[in-house]
């Protein structure tokens, strides 16, 4: 603990790092403040129906990723998710659309153009989701909650415009954090939204276990131990890599090939066990909304039964399909984000080779084979992590909101963003001759 405190003191000593941390915290506070600003012409005292809608199930998940703004009818009610959706769409279109493929190869200029396309697509998505959110307010809140009238066009137009503006402002905050702060801004905005719901979820579980004599303190201790073990497993999965040895031949003056190979610079290609990150869960989660939504359009008994089953995120039917989709999307997303053919070509152009494997097609086939082998356990673990909240609730009987922090998207985002931010802070500390954040806080002696 002493070493950790010393490391935090070192963070404060570096002026640039201190300014970046304070800048990041300041913008995160602005985002959290905005999450509690209710839309104009909405009576903030009559949101109980919306709160009840987000107490459990899919509504709770949506509310978590908006940091509670969804249940507050806030100007940030759509959160940063339209931008995430737009980014995913642009990334997937980059596989099939030649123009986007060309932009991906143009370096910094191409990246700026793709970011601009993503922003415009974000606006389009918000203009679709905004009216949907207002329609949900019409269905959920009483008529007297709308101060301008229940079906006022002025309210509809202004609210959709404000929701779109809120999303674009949140996106701007995220980009500014990335440029002038510390960590990935968009990810940190999602992170603070998730963390904001964590104390309330734990308080409800603690109250249920202690006050209602539902297991007592021993149950809470067991749950915390299980939660910490899941976090450790999640960290290990996020950090796990398969190192593929690579050699880069260094030409000698004599041109002796044997000497060249003896002097080769040995390195490795780090292939991550979970190369797809949290994206398979996000894809699968988006598709899991469809059965309940489609079935809800019909009033038949069968359709209502399907809708009820797929709105229960702890039911076995929901989780079986959810886990299957995650495994499928893990292979799919890994294939599009880890192009082994391009990796082999880049390796060949740089004069590198995998020992015992011919450069070119054979290297691509070898890398593809290795990725297939390590993706399988990664996909299985990701699927188990996604459905683990249902397992925990069934075995330990924990509260719904607390159970959802035992796995799934929220836990992966918490772990992934925390690791990324700590690594960036470590790079600043190491550049200033300090040890990393989780190491000793003593100054390193500068090399003369």
Protein backbone atom coordinates (compact mmCIF):
# COMPACT_ATOMS: atom_id res chain seq x y z
CA UNK A 1 0.00 0.00 0.00
CA UNK A 2 2.89 2.34 0.81
CA UNK A 3 4.45 1.73 -2.60
CA UNK A 4 1.13 2.45 -4.30
CA UNK A 5 0.77 5.77 -2.43
CA UNK A 6 4.33 6.70 -3.40
CA UNK A 7 3.52 5.93 -7.03
CA UNK A 8 0.48 8.22 -6.88
CA UNK A 9 2.72 10.93 -5.48
CA UNK A 10 5.04 10.43 -8.45
CA UNK A 11 2.08 10.94 -10.77
CA UNK A 12 1.46 14.30 -9.10
CA UNK A 13 5.13 15.32 -9.46
CA UNK A 14 5.09 15.16 -13.27
CA UNK A 15 3.46 18.40 -14.40
CA UNK A 16 2.26 17.16 -17.81
CA UNK A 17 0.81 13.97 -16.36
CA UNK A 18 -0.80 15.87 -13.47
CA UNK A 19 -2.45 18.31 -15.90
CA UNK A 20 -3.71 15.47 -18.06
CA UNK A 21 -5.20 13.63 -15.08
CA UNK A 22 -6.93 16.78 -13.78
CA UNK A 23 -8.21 17.61 -17.28
CA UNK A 24 -9.64 14.09 -17.61
CA UNK A 25 -11.31 14.22 -14.19
CA UNK A 26 -12.78 17.62 -14.97
CA UNK A 27 -14.43 16.50 -18.22
CA UNK A 28 -15.69 13.30 -16.58
CA UNK A 29 -17.36 15.45 -13.90
CA UNK A 30 -19.02 17.51 -16.65
CA UNK A 31 -20.34 14.32 -18.21
CA UNK A 32 -21.67 13.04 -14.89
CA UNK A 33 -23.33 16.40 -14.20
CA UNK A 34 -25.05 16.29 -17.59
CA UNK A 35 -26.42 12.83 -16.85
CA UNK A 36 -28.64 14.40 -14.16
CA UNK A 37 -29.97 17.31 -16.27
CA UNK A 38 -33.52 16.38 -17.26
CA UNK A 39 -34.90 17.23 -20.69
CA UNK A 40 -36.79 20.55 -20.80
CA UNK A 41 -40.56 20.28 -20.38
CA UNK A 42 -40.27 17.00 -18.40
CA UNK A 43 -41.36 16.99 -14.77
CA UNK A 44 -38.37 15.45 -12.98
CA UNK A 45 -40.57 14.45 -10.02
CA UNK A 46 -42.65 12.07 -12.14
CA UNK A 47 -40.01 9.70 -13.54
CA UNK A 48 -40.89 6.75 -11.32
CA UNK A 49 -42.29 4.76 -14.24
CA UNK A 50 -39.04 5.18 -16.16
CA UNK A 51 -37.06 4.20 -13.07
CA UNK A 52 -39.11 1.04 -12.64
CA UNK A 53 -38.50 0.17 -16.29
CA UNK A 54 -34.72 0.23 -15.73
CA UNK A 55 -34.69 -1.65 -12.43
CA UNK A 56 -33.90 -4.98 -14.08
CA UNK A 57 -33.34 -6.81 -17.31
CA UNK A 58 -32.43 -5.15 -20.59
CA UNK A 59 -33.58 -1.74 -19.36
CA UNK A 60 -31.05 -1.93 -16.54
CA UNK A 61 -28.24 -2.75 -19.00
CA UNK A 62 -29.10 0.25 -21.16
CA UNK A 63 -29.26 2.46 -18.10
CA UNK A 64 -25.85 1.27 -16.91
CA UNK A 65 -24.11 2.21 -20.16
CA UNK A 66 -25.62 5.70 -20.02
CA UNK A 67 -24.59 6.17 -16.39
CA UNK A 68 -28.19 6.42 -15.20
CA UNK A 69 -29.06 9.13 -17.75
CA UNK A 70 -31.62 6.86 -19.45
CA UNK A 71 -33.76 6.60 -16.29
CA UNK A 72 -33.37 10.34 -15.61
CA UNK A 73 -34.77 11.40 -19.03
CA UNK A 74 -31.49 13.30 -19.26
CA UNK A 75 -29.98 15.31 -22.10
CA UNK A 76 -27.41 12.46 -22.20
CA UNK A 77 -30.10 9.75 -22.21
CA UNK A 78 -28.72 8.17 -25.40
CA UNK A 79 -25.22 8.31 -23.96
CA UNK A 80 -22.23 7.57 -26.13
CA UNK A 81 -23.73 4.36 -27.53
CA UNK A 82 -24.82 5.88 -30.91
CA UNK A 83 -21.17 6.76 -31.52
CA UNK A 84 -20.11 3.23 -30.58
CA UNK A 85 -22.72 1.81 -32.96
CA UNK A 86 -21.53 4.11 -35.75
CA UNK A 87 -17.91 3.10 -35.15
CA UNK A 88 -18.82 -0.58 -35.37
CA UNK A 89 -20.78 -0.04 -38.60
CA UNK A 90 -17.91 1.90 -40.22
CA UNK A 91 -15.42 -0.74 -39.13
CA UNK A 92 -17.51 -3.56 -40.58
CA UNK A 93 -18.15 -1.61 -43.79
CA UNK A 94 -14.40 -1.19 -44.13
CA UNK A 95 -14.25 -4.88 -45.04
CA UNK A 96 -16.60 -4.65 -48.02
CA UNK A 97 -16.59 -1.00 -49.19
CA UNK A 98 -13.56 -0.22 -51.43
CA UNK A 99 -13.60 3.49 -50.56
CA UNK A 100 -13.27 2.77 -46.84
CA UNK A 101 -10.57 0.18 -47.53
CA UNK A 102 -8.65 2.86 -49.40
CA UNK A 103 -9.03 5.29 -46.49
CA UNK A 104 -7.67 2.68 -44.06
CA UNK A 105 -4.44 2.56 -46.09
CA UNK A 106 -3.96 6.34 -46.28
CA UNK A 107 -2.61 6.71 -42.76
CA UNK A 108 -3.46 9.79 -40.70
CA UNK A 109 -5.42 11.58 -43.46
CA UNK A 110 -7.54 8.47 -44.06
CA UNK A 111 -8.18 8.09 -40.34
CA UNK A 112 -9.45 11.68 -40.12
CA UNK A 113 -11.86 11.10 -43.02
CA UNK A 114 -13.16 7.90 -41.43
CA UNK A 115 -13.67 9.73 -38.13
CA UNK A 116 -15.69 12.35 -39.98
CA UNK A 117 -17.84 9.64 -41.59
CA UNK A 118 -18.36 8.11 -38.14
CA UNK A 119 -19.51 11.46 -36.74
CA UNK A 120 -22.07 11.98 -39.49
CA UNK A 121 -23.33 8.43 -39.06
CA UNK A 122 -23.61 9.07 -35.30
CA UNK A 123 -25.91 12.01 -35.99
CA UNK A 124 -28.04 9.80 -38.25
CA UNK A 125 -28.34 7.12 -35.56
CA UNK A 126 -29.30 9.64 -32.87
CA UNK A 127 -32.02 11.04 -35.14
CA UNK A 128 -33.46 7.53 -35.31
CA UNK A 129 -33.00 6.58 -31.66
CA UNK A 130 -34.17 9.98 -30.35
CA UNK A 131 -37.81 9.63 -31.48
CA UNK A 132 -37.75 6.04 -30.21
CA UNK A 133 -36.69 7.25 -26.76
CA UNK A 134 -39.39 9.95 -26.74
CA UNK A 135 -41.98 7.33 -27.74
CA UNK A 136 -40.81 5.22 -24.80
CA UNK A 137 -41.37 8.25 -22.54
CA UNK A 138 -44.91 8.58 -23.91
CA UNK A 139 -45.58 4.93 -23.03
CA UNK A 140 -43.93 5.02 -19.61
CA UNK A 141 -44.64 8.41 -18.01
CA UNK A 142 -48.03 9.87 -17.04
CA UNK A 143 -49.51 12.59 -19.27
CA UNK A 144 -48.99 15.31 -16.66
CA UNK A 145 -45.22 14.67 -16.75
CA UNK A 146 -45.08 16.51 -20.10
CA UNK A 147 -45.29 20.21 -19.32
CA UNK A 148 -45.84 21.25 -22.96
CA UNK A 149 -48.53 18.67 -23.55
CA UNK A 150 -48.58 14.94 -24.14
CA UNK A 151 -48.27 15.06 -27.94
CA UNK A 152 -46.67 18.46 -28.42
CA UNK A 153 -44.64 18.75 -31.64
CA UNK A 154 -42.51 21.45 -30.01
CA UNK A 155 -41.52 19.01 -27.26
CA UNK A 156 -40.80 16.19 -29.73
CA UNK A 157 -38.68 18.34 -32.04
CA UNK A 158 -36.73 20.09 -29.30
CA UNK A 159 -36.14 16.87 -27.33
CA UNK A 160 -34.82 14.93 -30.33
CA UNK A 161 -32.53 17.85 -31.16
CA UNK A 162 -31.29 18.04 -27.55
CA UNK A 163 -30.71 14.27 -27.38
CA UNK A 164 -28.67 14.39 -30.60
CA UNK A 165 -26.72 17.38 -29.30
CA UNK A 166 -26.10 15.60 -25.99
CA UNK A 167 -24.63 12.58 -27.77
CA UNK A 168 -22.41 14.77 -29.96
CA UNK A 169 -21.25 16.74 -26.91
CA UNK A 170 -20.44 13.48 -25.09
CA UNK A 171 -18.50 12.34 -28.16
CA UNK A 172 -16.60 15.66 -28.15
CA UNK A 173 -15.78 15.18 -24.46
CA UNK A 174 -14.42 11.72 -25.20
CA UNK A 175 -12.24 12.95 -28.06
CA UNK A 176 -10.86 15.80 -25.95
CA UNK A 177 -9.98 13.37 -23.15
CA UNK A 178 -8.14 11.19 -25.65
CA UNK A 179 -6.22 14.16 -27.09
CA UNK A 180 -5.43 16.18 -23.96
CA UNK A 181 -6.18 13.83 -21.10
CA UNK A 182 -5.17 10.32 -20.12
CA UNK A 183 -6.68 7.09 -21.44
CA UNK A 184 -9.25 6.48 -24.15
CA UNK A 185 -11.95 9.13 -23.69
CA UNK A 186 -14.92 7.22 -25.11
CA UNK A 187 -14.09 4.16 -23.02
CA UNK A 188 -13.70 6.27 -19.88
CA UNK A 189 -17.14 7.83 -20.39
CA UNK A 190 -18.65 4.34 -20.47
CA UNK A 191 -16.50 3.33 -17.50
CA UNK A 192 -17.70 6.15 -15.22
CA UNK A 193 -21.30 5.33 -16.15
CA UNK A 194 -20.80 1.72 -15.07
CA UNK A 195 -18.90 2.64 -11.90
CA UNK A 196 -21.64 5.12 -10.96
CA UNK A 197 -24.15 2.25 -10.71
CA UNK A 198 -21.83 -0.08 -8.76
CA UNK A 199 -22.28 1.41 -5.23
CA UNK A 200 -26.07 1.36 -5.52
CA UNK A 201 -26.08 -2.25 -6.73
CA UNK A 202 -23.80 -3.37 -3.89
CA UNK A 203 -25.83 -1.40 -1.31
CA UNK A 204 -29.02 -3.15 -2.39
CA UNK A 205 -27.34 -6.56 -2.16
CA UNK A 206 -25.87 -5.73 1.27
CA UNK A 207 -29.25 -4.55 2.54
CA UNK A 208 -30.96 -7.67 1.23
CA UNK A 209 -28.38 -10.01 2.79
CA UNK A 210 -28.12 -8.31 6.18
CA UNK A 211 -31.39 -6.50 6.87
CA UNK A 212 -33.66 -9.20 5.46
CA UNK A 213 -31.60 -12.04 6.96
CA UNK A 214 -30.86 -13.44 3.49
CA UNK A 215 -27.48 -15.05 4.17
CA UNK A 216 -25.96 -12.33 6.34
CA UNK A 217 -22.40 -11.05 6.21
CA UNK A 218 -20.99 -14.46 5.31
CA UNK A 219 -22.89 -14.37 2.03
CA UNK A 220 -21.50 -10.91 1.26
CA UNK A 221 -17.95 -12.14 1.97
CA UNK A 222 -18.41 -15.13 -0.35
CA UNK A 223 -19.81 -12.90 -3.09
CA UNK A 224 -16.90 -10.45 -2.82
CA UNK A 225 -14.38 -13.31 -2.99
CA UNK A 226 -16.10 -14.74 -6.08
CA UNK A 227 -16.25 -11.27 -7.65
CA UNK A 228 -12.52 -10.69 -7.08
CA UNK A 229 -11.68 -14.11 -8.54
CA UNK A 230 -13.73 -13.31 -11.64
CA UNK A 231 -11.92 -9.97 -11.98
CA UNK A 232 -8.54 -11.73 -11.71
CA UNK A 233 -9.60 -14.26 -14.37
CA UNK A 234 -10.79 -11.40 -16.57
CA UNK A 235 -7.46 -9.58 -16.19
CA UNK A 236 -5.54 -12.75 -17.05
CA UNK A 237 -7.67 -13.28 -20.16
CA UNK A 238 -7.24 -9.66 -21.25
CA UNK A 239 -3.45 -9.75 -20.80
CA UNK A 240 -2.83 -13.30 -22.11
CA UNK A 241 -0.85 -13.52 -25.36
CA UNK A 242 0.64 -16.27 -27.48
CA UNK A 243 4.15 -15.18 -28.47
CA UNK A 244 5.11 -16.27 -31.98
CA UNK A 245 8.88 -16.08 -32.34
CA UNK A 246 10.14 -13.92 -35.21
CA UNK A 247 13.65 -13.32 -36.54
CA UNK A 248 14.90 -10.30 -38.47
CA UNK A 249 18.09 -10.97 -40.42
CA UNK A 250 20.83 -8.35 -40.05
CA UNK A 251 23.13 -8.08 -43.06
CA UNK A 252 26.83 -8.38 -42.27
CA UNK A 253 29.57 -6.66 -44.27
CA UNK A 254 30.91 -10.01 -45.50
CA UNK A 255 27.47 -11.05 -46.72
CA UNK A 256 27.84 -14.43 -44.98
CA UNK A 257 24.31 -15.87 -44.78
CA UNK A 258 25.14 -18.12 -41.82
CA UNK A 259 26.56 -15.18 -39.92
CA UNK A 260 23.48 -13.13 -40.83
CA UNK A 261 21.19 -15.70 -39.25
CA UNK A 262 23.37 -15.98 -36.17
CA UNK A 263 23.16 -12.21 -35.72
CA UNK A 264 19.41 -12.12 -36.37
CA UNK A 265 17.43 -9.95 -33.99
CA UNK A 266 14.99 -12.27 -32.19
CA UNK A 267 11.55 -10.81 -31.47
CA UNK A 268 7.98 -12.08 -31.33
CA UNK A 269 4.45 -11.35 -32.52
CA UNK A 270 2.03 -11.11 -29.56
CA UNK A 271 -1.26 -12.78 -30.54
CA UNK A 272 -3.86 -12.03 -27.87
CA UNK A 273 -6.04 -14.78 -26.46
CA UNK A 274 -8.96 -12.37 -26.57
CA UNK A 275 -8.12 -10.33 -29.66
CA UNK A 276 -11.74 -9.27 -30.16
CA UNK A 277 -12.10 -7.67 -26.72
CA UNK A 278 -15.64 -6.84 -25.66
CA UNK A 279 -17.02 -6.48 -29.20
CA UNK A 280 -18.49 -10.03 -29.51
CA UNK A 281 -20.58 -9.44 -26.38
CA UNK A 282 -21.76 -6.06 -27.73
CA UNK A 283 -22.71 -7.62 -31.09
CA UNK A 284 -24.49 -10.53 -29.43
CA UNK A 285 -26.24 -8.21 -26.97
CA UNK A 286 -27.56 -6.09 -29.84
CA UNK A 287 -29.00 -9.15 -31.58
CA UNK A 288 -30.55 -10.42 -28.35
CA UNK A 289 -32.77 -7.34 -28.32
CA UNK A 290 -34.40 -8.46 -31.58
CA UNK A 291 -36.45 -11.55 -30.53
CA UNK A 292 -38.23 -9.72 -27.70
CA UNK A 293 -38.81 -6.62 -29.85
CA UNK A 294 -40.23 -8.59 -32.80
CA UNK A 295 -42.37 -10.84 -30.60
CA UNK A 296 -43.71 -7.78 -28.79
CA UNK A 297 -45.30 -6.58 -32.03
CA UNK A 298 -47.77 -9.46 -31.92
CA UNK A 299 -50.48 -10.01 -29.32
CA UNK A 300 -50.61 -13.81 -29.76
CA UNK A 301 -49.91 -16.02 -26.78
CA UNK A 302 -46.85 -17.61 -28.42
CA UNK A 303 -45.35 -14.23 -29.28
CA UNK A 304 -45.90 -12.92 -25.77
CA UNK A 305 -44.27 -16.06 -24.35
CA UNK A 306 -41.20 -15.53 -26.59
CA UNK A 307 -41.04 -11.86 -25.62
CA UNK A 308 -41.18 -12.72 -21.92
CA UNK A 309 -38.49 -15.39 -22.20
CA UNK A 310 -36.04 -13.17 -24.07
CA UNK A 311 -36.61 -10.22 -21.77
CA UNK A 312 -35.45 -12.39 -18.89
CA UNK A 313 -31.67 -12.03 -19.17
CA UNK A 314 -31.21 -14.70 -16.48
CA UNK A 315 -33.28 -17.37 -18.25
CA UNK A 316 -31.55 -20.44 -19.70
CA UNK A 317 -32.97 -19.89 -23.21
CA UNK A 318 -31.63 -16.34 -23.33
CA UNK A 319 -28.18 -17.29 -22.04
CA UNK A 320 -27.81 -20.38 -24.25
CA UNK A 321 -28.44 -18.32 -27.38
CA UNK A 322 -26.35 -15.47 -25.98
CA UNK A 323 -23.32 -17.72 -25.38
CA UNK A 324 -23.62 -19.31 -28.84
CA UNK A 325 -23.72 -15.92 -30.55
CA UNK A 326 -20.67 -14.76 -28.57
CA UNK A 327 -18.61 -17.75 -29.73
CA UNK A 328 -19.63 -17.10 -33.35
CA UNK A 329 -18.92 -13.37 -33.18
CA UNK A 330 -15.59 -13.95 -31.45
CA UNK A 331 -14.33 -15.91 -34.47
CA UNK A 332 -15.90 -13.40 -36.85
CA UNK A 333 -14.49 -10.29 -35.22
CA UNK A 334 -11.06 -11.85 -34.68
CA UNK A 335 -10.93 -12.75 -38.39
CA UNK A 336 -11.62 -9.16 -39.50
CA UNK A 337 -9.37 -7.46 -36.95
CA UNK A 338 -6.42 -9.86 -37.22
CA UNK A 339 -5.75 -10.22 -40.99
CA UNK A 340 -3.05 -12.88 -40.98
CA UNK A 341 -2.35 -12.40 -44.70
CA UNK A 342 -1.51 -8.74 -44.15
CA UNK A 343 0.57 -9.61 -41.09
CA UNK A 344 2.56 -12.13 -43.15
CA UNK A 345 3.10 -9.60 -45.97
CA UNK A 346 4.25 -6.90 -43.55
CA UNK A 347 6.61 -9.37 -41.89
CA UNK A 348 8.06 -10.38 -45.26
CA UNK A 349 8.58 -6.76 -46.38
CA UNK A 350 10.41 -5.93 -43.15
CA UNK A 351 12.81 -8.84 -43.59
CA UNK A 352 11.33 -10.95 -40.80
CA UNK A 353 10.35 -14.59 -40.74
CA UNK A 354 8.97 -17.21 -38.37
CA UNK A 355 11.71 -19.80 -37.73
CA UNK A 356 10.91 -23.01 -39.62
CA UNK A 357 8.15 -21.42 -41.71
CA UNK A 358 8.56 -20.04 -45.23
CA UNK A 359 7.67 -16.36 -45.67
CA UNK A 360 4.47 -15.47 -47.50
CA UNK A 361 1.50 -17.83 -47.79
CA UNK A 362 2.90 -20.47 -45.43
CA UNK A 363 3.48 -17.84 -42.75
CA UNK A 364 -0.09 -16.57 -43.19
CA UNK A 365 -1.43 -20.13 -42.88
CA UNK A 366 0.69 -20.71 -39.78
CA UNK A 367 -0.52 -17.51 -38.10
CA UNK A 368 -4.11 -18.35 -39.05
CA UNK A 369 -3.73 -21.81 -37.50
CA UNK A 370 -2.31 -20.36 -34.27
CA UNK A 371 -5.11 -17.77 -34.09
CA UNK A 372 -7.72 -20.49 -34.56
CA UNK A 373 -6.23 -22.52 -31.71
CA UNK A 374 -6.06 -19.65 -29.21
CA UNK A 375 -9.39 -18.11 -30.26
CA UNK A 376 -11.35 -21.21 -29.22
CA UNK A 377 -10.50 -21.07 -25.48
CA UNK A 378 -10.82 -17.28 -25.63
CA UNK A 379 -14.31 -17.55 -27.14
CA UNK A 380 -15.41 -20.16 -24.58
CA UNK A 381 -14.11 -18.07 -21.69
CA UNK A 382 -15.80 -14.96 -23.10
CA UNK A 383 -19.11 -16.83 -23.40
CA UNK A 384 -18.82 -18.15 -19.83
CA UNK A 385 -18.00 -14.67 -18.57
CA UNK A 386 -21.06 -13.27 -20.35
CA UNK A 387 -23.48 -15.79 -18.83
CA UNK A 388 -21.77 -15.89 -15.42
CA UNK A 389 -24.19 -13.32 -13.90
CA UNK A 390 -27.05 -15.77 -14.52
CA UNK A 391 -25.00 -18.56 -12.92
CA UNK A 392 -24.19 -16.42 -9.89
CA UNK A 393 -27.79 -15.40 -9.42
CA UNK A 394 -28.98 -19.00 -9.70
CA UNK A 395 -26.34 -20.41 -7.33
CA UNK A 396 -25.88 -17.61 -4.78
CA UNK A 397 -29.24 -15.91 -5.18
CA UNK A 398 -27.78 -12.40 -5.46
CA UNK A 399 -29.77 -9.32 -6.44
CA UNK A 400 -30.21 -8.69 -10.17
CA UNK A 401 -28.25 -5.43 -10.32
CA UNK A 402 -25.31 -6.75 -8.31
CA UNK A 403 -25.25 -10.02 -10.29
CA UNK A 404 -24.69 -8.15 -13.56
CA UNK A 405 -21.33 -6.90 -12.27
CA UNK A 406 -20.03 -10.49 -12.08
CA UNK A 407 -19.41 -10.68 -15.81
CA UNK A 408 -20.54 -9.58 -19.23
CA UNK A 409 -19.85 -6.31 -20.96
CA UNK A 410 -19.65 -4.17 -17.83
CA UNK A 411 -16.88 -6.19 -16.17
CA UNK A 412 -14.83 -6.50 -19.37
CA UNK A 413 -15.05 -2.74 -19.92
CA UNK A 414 -14.06 -2.05 -16.31
CA UNK A 415 -11.01 -4.31 -16.56
CA UNK A 416 -9.99 -3.37 -20.10
CA UNK A 417 -10.23 0.41 -19.61
CA UNK A 418 -8.47 0.24 -16.25
CA UNK A 419 -5.57 -1.74 -17.73
CA UNK A 420 -5.27 0.62 -20.71
CA UNK A 421 -5.29 3.73 -18.50
CA UNK A 422 -2.73 2.30 -16.08
CA UNK A 423 -0.45 1.37 -18.99
CA UNK A 424 -0.58 4.95 -20.29
CA UNK A 425 0.21 6.35 -16.85
CA UNK A 426 3.08 3.86 -16.54
CA UNK A 427 4.56 5.06 -19.84
CA UNK A 428 4.69 8.64 -18.49
CA UNK A 429 6.27 7.49 -15.24
CA UNK A 430 8.89 5.40 -17.01
CA UNK A 431 9.75 8.25 -19.37
CA UNK A 432 10.41 10.46 -16.35
CA UNK A 433 12.69 7.90 -14.69
CA UNK A 434 10.05 6.63 -12.24
CA UNK A 435 8.87 3.08 -11.73
CA UNK A 436 5.43 2.07 -12.94
CA UNK A 437 2.20 2.77 -11.10
CA UNK A 438 2.04 -0.65 -9.49
CA UNK A 439 5.74 -0.85 -8.68
CA UNK A 440 8.06 1.01 -6.34
CA UNK A 441 7.72 4.73 -6.22
CA UNK A 442 11.44 5.46 -5.93
CA UNK A 443 13.20 7.48 -8.55
CA UNK A 444 15.29 5.55 -11.00
CA UNK A 445 18.83 6.77 -11.38
CA UNK A 446 19.20 8.42 -14.73
CA UNK A 447 21.79 6.88 -16.96
CA UNK A 448 24.61 9.34 -17.46
